[in-house]
Amino acid sequence: RITTSGSTDYAGSVKGRFTISRDSAKNTV
């Protein structure tokens, strides 16, 4: 999960392997 402020949270099973990001210009996560 990612918030509008950019804070992220990951499940323990994927932490360190998955990365979530956002592109506000494209309204895309």
PDB file of all heavy atoms in Angstrom:
ATOM      1  N   ARG A   1       0.835  -1.193   0.000  1.00  0.00           N
ATOM      2  CA  ARG A   1       0.000   0.000   0.000  1.00  0.00           C
ATOM      3  C   ARG A   1       0.871   1.244   0.000  1.00  0.00           C
ATOM      4  O   ARG A   1       1.956   1.260   0.579  1.00  0.00           O
ATOM      5  CB  ARG A   1      -0.908  -0.008   1.239  1.00  0.00           C
ATOM      6  CG  ARG A   1      -1.828   1.183   1.366  1.00  0.00           C
ATOM      7  CD  ARG A   1      -2.714   1.038   2.594  1.00  0.00           C
ATOM      8  NE  ARG A   1      -1.950   1.125   3.836  1.00  0.00           N
ATOM      9  CZ  ARG A   1      -2.479   0.966   5.042  1.00  0.00           C
ATOM     10  NH1 ARG A   1      -3.775   0.677   5.171  1.00  0.00           N
ATOM     11  NH2 ARG A   1      -1.716   1.064   6.118  1.00  0.00           N
ATOM     12  N   ILE A   2       0.380   2.294  -0.630  1.00  0.00           N
ATOM     13  CA  ILE A   2       1.051   3.581  -0.617  1.00  0.00           C
ATOM     14  C   ILE A   2       0.005   4.657  -0.384  1.00  0.00           C
ATOM     15  O   ILE A   2      -1.107   4.575  -0.889  1.00  0.00           O
ATOM     16  CB  ILE A   2       1.835   3.836  -1.928  1.00  0.00           C
ATOM     17  CG1 ILE A   2       2.684   5.105  -1.811  1.00  0.00           C
ATOM     18  CG2 ILE A   2       0.899   3.904  -3.129  1.00  0.00           C
ATOM     19  CD1 ILE A   2       3.681   5.273  -2.952  1.00  0.00           C
ATOM     20  N   THR A   3       0.358   5.671   0.398  1.00  0.00           N
ATOM     21  CA  THR A   3      -0.546   6.772   0.676  1.00  0.00           C
ATOM     22  C   THR A   3      -0.235   7.937  -0.243  1.00  0.00           C
ATOM     23  O   THR A   3       0.770   7.957  -0.949  1.00  0.00           O
ATOM     24  CB  THR A   3      -0.434   7.233   2.132  1.00  0.00           C
ATOM     25  OG1 THR A   3       0.830   7.896   2.329  1.00  0.00           O
ATOM     26  CG2 THR A   3      -0.532   6.051   3.084  1.00  0.00           C
ATOM     27  N   THR A   4      -1.098   8.940  -0.213  1.00  0.00           N
ATOM     28  CA  THR A   4      -0.870  10.125  -1.030  1.00  0.00           C
ATOM     29  C   THR A   4       0.377  10.880  -0.600  1.00  0.00           C
ATOM     30  O   THR A   4       0.959  11.617  -1.400  1.00  0.00           O
ATOM     31  CB  THR A   4      -2.078  11.073  -0.978  1.00  0.00           C
ATOM     32  OG1 THR A   4      -2.388  11.396   0.380  1.00  0.00           O
ATOM     33  CG2 THR A   4      -3.303  10.420  -1.622  1.00  0.00           C
ATOM     34  N   SER A   5       0.791  10.686   0.646  1.00  0.00           N
ATOM     35  CA  SER A   5       2.003  11.325   1.138  1.00  0.00           C
ATOM     36  C   SER A   5       3.255  10.550   0.764  1.00  0.00           C
ATOM     37  O   SER A   5       4.372  11.022   0.981  1.00  0.00           O
ATOM     38  CB  SER A   5       1.940  11.502   2.651  1.00  0.00           C
ATOM     39  OG  SER A   5       1.939  10.260   3.313  1.00  0.00           O
ATOM     40  N   GLY A   6       3.082   9.348   0.216  1.00  0.00           N
ATOM     41  CA  GLY A   6       4.213   8.549  -0.201  1.00  0.00           C
ATOM     42  C   GLY A   6       4.637   7.468   0.770  1.00  0.00           C
ATOM     43  O   GLY A   6       5.571   6.715   0.482  1.00  0.00           O
ATOM     44  N   SER A   7       3.982   7.378   1.903  1.00  0.00           N
ATOM     45  CA  SER A   7       4.308   6.331   2.867  1.00  0.00           C
ATOM     46  C   SER A   7       3.902   4.974   2.311  1.00  0.00           C
ATOM     47  O   SER A   7       2.866   4.844   1.665  1.00  0.00           O
ATOM     48  CB  SER A   7       3.599   6.582   4.194  1.00  0.00           C
ATOM     49  OG  SER A   7       4.030   7.796   4.779  1.00  0.00           O
ATOM     50  N   THR A   8       4.710   3.968   2.573  1.00  0.00           N
ATOM     51  CA  THR A   8       4.445   2.634   2.047  1.00  0.00           C
ATOM     52  C   THR A   8       4.352   1.607   3.153  1.00  0.00           C
ATOM     53  O   THR A   8       4.890   1.786   4.253  1.00  0.00           O
ATOM     54  CB  THR A   8       5.534   2.203   1.058  1.00  0.00           C
ATOM     55  OG1 THR A   8       6.811   2.221   1.716  1.00  0.00           O
ATOM     56  CG2 THR A   8       5.579   3.138  -0.140  1.00  0.00           C
ATOM     57  N   ASP A   9       3.675   0.524   2.845  1.00  0.00           N
ATOM     58  CA  ASP A   9       3.529  -0.588   3.770  1.00  0.00           C
ATOM     59  C   ASP A   9       3.500  -1.863   2.947  1.00  0.00           C
ATOM     60  O   ASP A   9       2.915  -1.893   1.861  1.00  0.00           O
ATOM     61  CB  ASP A   9       2.251  -0.436   4.588  1.00  0.00           C
ATOM     62  CG  ASP A   9       2.154  -1.449   5.707  1.00  0.00           C
ATOM     63  OD1 ASP A   9       3.206  -1.845   6.242  1.00  0.00           O
ATOM     64  OD2 ASP A   9       1.026  -1.832   6.064  1.00  0.00           O
ATOM     65  N   TYR A  10       4.138  -2.912   3.457  1.00  0.00           N
ATOM     66  CA  TYR A  10       4.218  -4.171   2.736  1.00  0.00           C
ATOM     67  C   TYR A  10       3.896  -5.340   3.643  1.00  0.00           C
ATOM     68  O   TYR A  10       4.180  -5.313   4.849  1.00  0.00           O
ATOM     69  CB  TYR A  10       5.623  -4.386   2.171  1.00  0.00           C
ATOM     70  CG  TYR A  10       6.078  -3.340   1.192  1.00  0.00           C
ATOM     71  CD1 TYR A  10       6.776  -2.212   1.621  1.00  0.00           C
ATOM     72  CD2 TYR A  10       5.809  -3.483  -0.163  1.00  0.00           C
ATOM     73  CE1 TYR A  10       7.197  -1.255   0.717  1.00  0.00           C
ATOM     74  CE2 TYR A  10       6.234  -2.520  -1.075  1.00  0.00           C
ATOM     75  CZ  TYR A  10       6.920  -1.413  -0.627  1.00  0.00           C
ATOM     76  OH  TYR A  10       7.343  -0.456  -1.532  1.00  0.00           O
ATOM     77  N   ALA A  11       3.324  -6.361   3.052  1.00  0.00           N
ATOM     78  CA  ALA A  11       3.151  -7.603   3.775  1.00  0.00           C
ATOM     79  C   ALA A  11       4.526  -8.206   4.042  1.00  0.00           C
ATOM     80  O   ALA A  11       5.456  -8.052   3.249  1.00  0.00           O
ATOM     81  CB  ALA A  11       2.303  -8.577   2.968  1.00  0.00           C
ATOM     82  N   GLY A  12       4.647  -8.903   5.161  1.00  0.00           N
ATOM     83  CA  GLY A  12       5.931  -9.484   5.506  1.00  0.00           C
ATOM     84  C   GLY A  12       6.460 -10.449   4.464  1.00  0.00           C
ATOM     85  O   GLY A  12       7.678 -10.562   4.264  1.00  0.00           O
ATOM     86  N   SER A  13       5.558 -11.120   3.760  1.00  0.00           N
ATOM     87  CA  SER A  13       5.961 -12.111   2.778  1.00  0.00           C
ATOM     88  C   SER A  13       6.576 -11.507   1.518  1.00  0.00           C
ATOM     89  O   SER A  13       7.246 -12.206   0.758  1.00  0.00           O
ATOM     90  CB  SER A  13       4.765 -12.985   2.388  1.00  0.00           C
ATOM     91  OG  SER A  13       3.721 -12.199   1.847  1.00  0.00           O
ATOM     92  N   VAL A  14       6.353 -10.214   1.290  1.00  0.00           N
ATOM     93  CA  VAL A  14       6.870  -9.571   0.081  1.00  0.00           C
ATOM     94  C   VAL A  14       7.848  -8.451   0.377  1.00  0.00           C
ATOM     95  O   VAL A  14       8.510  -7.949  -0.543  1.00  0.00           O
ATOM     96  CB  VAL A  14       5.731  -9.030  -0.809  1.00  0.00           C
ATOM     97  CG1 VAL A  14       4.715 -10.114  -1.103  1.00  0.00           C
ATOM     98  CG2 VAL A  14       5.061  -7.828  -0.157  1.00  0.00           C
ATOM     99  N   LYS A  15       7.958  -8.063   1.613  1.00  0.00           N
ATOM    100  CA  LYS A  15       8.836  -6.965   1.987  1.00  0.00           C
ATOM    101  C   LYS A  15      10.277  -7.274   1.584  1.00  0.00           C
ATOM    102  O   LYS A  15      10.788  -8.361   1.839  1.00  0.00           O
ATOM    103  CB  LYS A  15       8.754  -6.700   3.485  1.00  0.00           C
ATOM    104  CG  LYS A  15       9.397  -5.398   3.918  1.00  0.00           C
ATOM    105  CD  LYS A  15       9.108  -5.107   5.379  1.00  0.00           C
ATOM    106  CE  LYS A  15       9.644  -3.749   5.788  1.00  0.00           C
ATOM    107  NZ  LYS A  15       9.327  -3.440   7.199  1.00  0.00           N
ATOM    108  N   GLY A  16      10.906  -6.309   0.946  1.00  0.00           N
ATOM    109  CA  GLY A  16      12.261  -6.490   0.457  1.00  0.00           C
ATOM    110  C   GLY A  16      12.315  -6.993  -0.961  1.00  0.00           C
ATOM    111  O   GLY A  16      13.374  -6.928  -1.600  1.00  0.00           O
ATOM    112  N   ARG A  17      11.209  -7.508  -1.473  1.00  0.00           N
ATOM    113  CA  ARG A  17      11.149  -8.015  -2.840  1.00  0.00           C
ATOM    114  C   ARG A  17      10.255  -7.167  -3.733  1.00  0.00           C
ATOM    115  O   ARG A  17      10.521  -7.036  -4.927  1.00  0.00           O
ATOM    116  CB  ARG A  17      10.649  -9.461  -2.864  1.00  0.00           C
ATOM    117  CG  ARG A  17      11.530 -10.432  -2.100  1.00  0.00           C
ATOM    118  CD  ARG A  17      11.092 -11.874  -2.336  1.00  0.00           C
ATOM    119  NE  ARG A  17       9.747 -12.127  -1.831  1.00  0.00           N
ATOM    120  CZ  ARG A  17       8.718 -12.482  -2.582  1.00  0.00           C
ATOM    121  NH1 ARG A  17       8.873 -12.641  -3.890  1.00  0.00           N
ATOM    122  NH2 ARG A  17       7.525 -12.705  -2.037  1.00  0.00           N
ATOM    123  N   PHE A  18       9.191  -6.629  -3.175  1.00  0.00           N
ATOM    124  CA  PHE A  18       8.242  -5.822  -3.932  1.00  0.00           C
ATOM    125  C   PHE A  18       8.420  -4.352  -3.588  1.00  0.00           C
ATOM    126  O   PHE A  18       8.746  -4.000  -2.450  1.00  0.00           O
ATOM    127  CB  PHE A  18       6.800  -6.223  -3.611  1.00  0.00           C
ATOM    128  CG  PHE A  18       6.379  -7.576  -4.114  1.00  0.00           C
ATOM    129  CD1 PHE A  18       7.297  -8.486  -4.610  1.00  0.00           C
ATOM    130  CD2 PHE A  18       5.039  -7.930  -4.079  1.00  0.00           C
ATOM    131  CE1 PHE A  18       6.901  -9.732  -5.067  1.00  0.00           C
ATOM    132  CE2 PHE A  18       4.625  -9.169  -4.535  1.00  0.00           C
ATOM    133  CZ  PHE A  18       5.549 -10.073  -5.026  1.00  0.00           C
ATOM    134  N   THR A  19       8.180  -3.500  -4.565  1.00  0.00           N
ATOM    135  CA  THR A  19       8.246  -2.066  -4.355  1.00  0.00           C
ATOM    136  C   THR A  19       7.031  -1.409  -4.988  1.00  0.00           C
ATOM    137  O   THR A  19       6.748  -1.628  -6.164  1.00  0.00           O
ATOM    138  CB  THR A  19       9.520  -1.457  -4.968  1.00  0.00           C
ATOM    139  OG1 THR A  19      10.681  -2.067  -4.393  1.00  0.00           O
ATOM    140  CG2 THR A  19       9.569   0.045  -4.697  1.00  0.00           C
ATOM    141  N   ILE A  20       6.329  -0.613  -4.214  1.00  0.00           N
ATOM    142  CA  ILE A  20       5.172   0.106  -4.732  1.00  0.00           C
ATOM    143  C   ILE A  20       5.538   1.569  -4.909  1.00  0.00           C
ATOM    144  O   ILE A  20       6.268   2.144  -4.102  1.00  0.00           O
ATOM    145  CB  ILE A  20       3.942  -0.066  -3.808  1.00  0.00           C
ATOM    146  CG1 ILE A  20       2.684   0.484  -4.479  1.00  0.00           C
ATOM    147  CG2 ILE A  20       4.168   0.575  -2.453  1.00  0.00           C
ATOM    148  CD1 ILE A  20       1.391   0.084  -3.765  1.00  0.00           C
ATOM    149  N   SER A  21       5.054   2.162  -5.974  1.00  0.00           N
ATOM    150  CA  SER A  21       5.352   3.554  -6.264  1.00  0.00           C
ATOM    151  C   SER A  21       4.154   4.199  -6.945  1.00  0.00           C
ATOM    152  O   SER A  21       3.209   3.515  -7.350  1.00  0.00           O
ATOM    153  CB  SER A  21       6.597   3.677  -7.149  1.00  0.00           C
ATOM    154  OG  SER A  21       6.401   3.034  -8.398  1.00  0.00           O
ATOM    155  N   ARG A  22       4.211   5.498  -7.067  1.00  0.00           N
ATOM    156  CA  ARG A  22       3.116   6.216  -7.709  1.00  0.00           C
ATOM    157  C   ARG A  22       3.631   7.242  -8.708  1.00  0.00           C
ATOM    158  O   ARG A  22       4.739   7.763  -8.579  1.00  0.00           O
ATOM    159  CB  ARG A  22       2.239   6.899  -6.661  1.00  0.00           C
ATOM    160  CG  ARG A  22       2.979   7.907  -5.785  1.00  0.00           C
ATOM    161  CD  ARG A  22       2.060   8.445  -4.699  1.00  0.00           C
ATOM    162  NE  ARG A  22       2.777   9.251  -3.714  1.00  0.00           N
ATOM    163  CZ  ARG A  22       2.973  10.552  -3.816  1.00  0.00           C
ATOM    164  NH1 ARG A  22       2.513  11.217  -4.867  1.00  0.00           N
ATOM    165  NH2 ARG A  22       3.630  11.208  -2.875  1.00  0.00           N
ATOM    166  N   ASP A  23       2.818   7.524  -9.698  1.00  0.00           N
ATOM    167  CA  ASP A  23       3.097   8.536 -10.699  1.00  0.00           C
ATOM    168  C   ASP A  23       1.854   9.405 -10.779  1.00  0.00           C
ATOM    169  O   ASP A  23       0.891   9.060 -11.461  1.00  0.00           O
ATOM    170  CB  ASP A  23       3.412   7.892 -12.047  1.00  0.00           C
ATOM    171  CG  ASP A  23       3.837   8.901 -13.096  1.00  0.00           C
ATOM    172  OD1 ASP A  23       3.551  10.101 -12.944  1.00  0.00           O
ATOM    173  OD2 ASP A  23       4.470   8.483 -14.086  1.00  0.00           O
ATOM    174  N   SER A  24       1.881  10.514 -10.078  1.00  0.00           N
ATOM    175  CA  SER A  24       0.703  11.367 -10.000  1.00  0.00           C
ATOM    176  C   SER A  24       0.315  11.963 -11.348  1.00  0.00           C
ATOM    177  O   SER A  24      -0.868  12.188 -11.615  1.00  0.00           O
ATOM    178  CB  SER A  24       0.924  12.484  -8.974  1.00  0.00           C
ATOM    179  OG  SER A  24       2.040  13.281  -9.315  1.00  0.00           O
ATOM    180  N   ALA A  25       1.302  12.214 -12.202  1.00  0.00           N
ATOM    181  CA  ALA A  25       1.023  12.789 -13.509  1.00  0.00           C
ATOM    182  C   ALA A  25       0.193  11.850 -14.369  1.00  0.00           C
ATOM    183  O   ALA A  25      -0.573  12.292 -15.228  1.00  0.00           O
ATOM    184  CB  ALA A  25       2.319  13.149 -14.222  1.00  0.00           C
ATOM    185  N   LYS A  26       0.347  10.554 -14.145  1.00  0.00           N
ATOM    186  CA  LYS A  26      -0.380   9.556 -14.915  1.00  0.00           C
ATOM    187  C   LYS A  26      -1.499   8.909 -14.114  1.00  0.00           C
ATOM    188  O   LYS A  26      -2.140   7.980 -14.600  1.00  0.00           O
ATOM    189  CB  LYS A  26       0.578   8.482 -15.427  1.00  0.00           C
ATOM    190  CG  LYS A  26       1.645   9.005 -16.373  1.00  0.00           C
ATOM    191  CD  LYS A  26       2.545   7.886 -16.849  1.00  0.00           C
ATOM    192  CE  LYS A  26       3.590   8.409 -17.813  1.00  0.00           C
ATOM    193  NZ  LYS A  26       4.490   7.323 -18.287  1.00  0.00           N
ATOM    194  N   ASN A  27      -1.716   9.400 -12.897  1.00  0.00           N
ATOM    195  CA  ASN A  27      -2.736   8.834 -12.012  1.00  0.00           C
ATOM    196  C   ASN A  27      -2.575   7.322 -11.883  1.00  0.00           C
ATOM    197  O   ASN A  27      -3.550   6.568 -11.917  1.00  0.00           O
ATOM    198  CB  ASN A  27      -4.144   9.174 -12.511  1.00  0.00           C
ATOM    199  CG  ASN A  27      -4.421  10.657 -12.488  1.00  0.00           C
ATOM    200  OD1 ASN A  27      -3.971  11.366 -11.587  1.00  0.00           O
ATOM    201  ND2 ASN A  27      -5.174  11.141 -13.463  1.00  0.00           N
ATOM    202  N   THR A  28      -1.338   6.916 -11.723  1.00  0.00           N
ATOM    203  CA  THR A  28      -1.012   5.500 -11.769  1.00  0.00           C
ATOM    204  C   THR A  28      -0.175   5.068 -10.570  1.00  0.00           C
ATOM    205  O   THR A  28       0.700   5.808 -10.113  1.00  0.00           O
ATOM    206  CB  THR A  28      -0.241   5.173 -13.059  1.00  0.00           C
ATOM    207  OG1 THR A  28      -1.054   5.499 -14.189  1.00  0.00           O
ATOM    208  CG2 THR A  28       0.131   3.706 -13.126  1.00  0.00           C
ATOM    209  N   VAL A  29      -0.453   3.884 -10.089  1.00  0.00           N
ATOM    210  CA  VAL A  29       0.342   3.247  -9.053  1.00  0.00           C
ATOM    211  C   VAL A  29       0.918   1.965  -9.633  1.00  0.00           C
ATOM    212  O   VAL A  29       0.227   1.249 -10.357  1.00  0.00           O
ATOM    213  CB  VAL A  29      -0.503   2.943  -7.803  1.00  0.00           C
ATOM    214  CG1 VAL A  29       0.328   2.206  -6.759  1.00  0.00           C
ATOM    215  CG2 VAL A  29      -1.051   4.233  -7.208  1.00  0.00           C
TER     216      VAL A  29
END
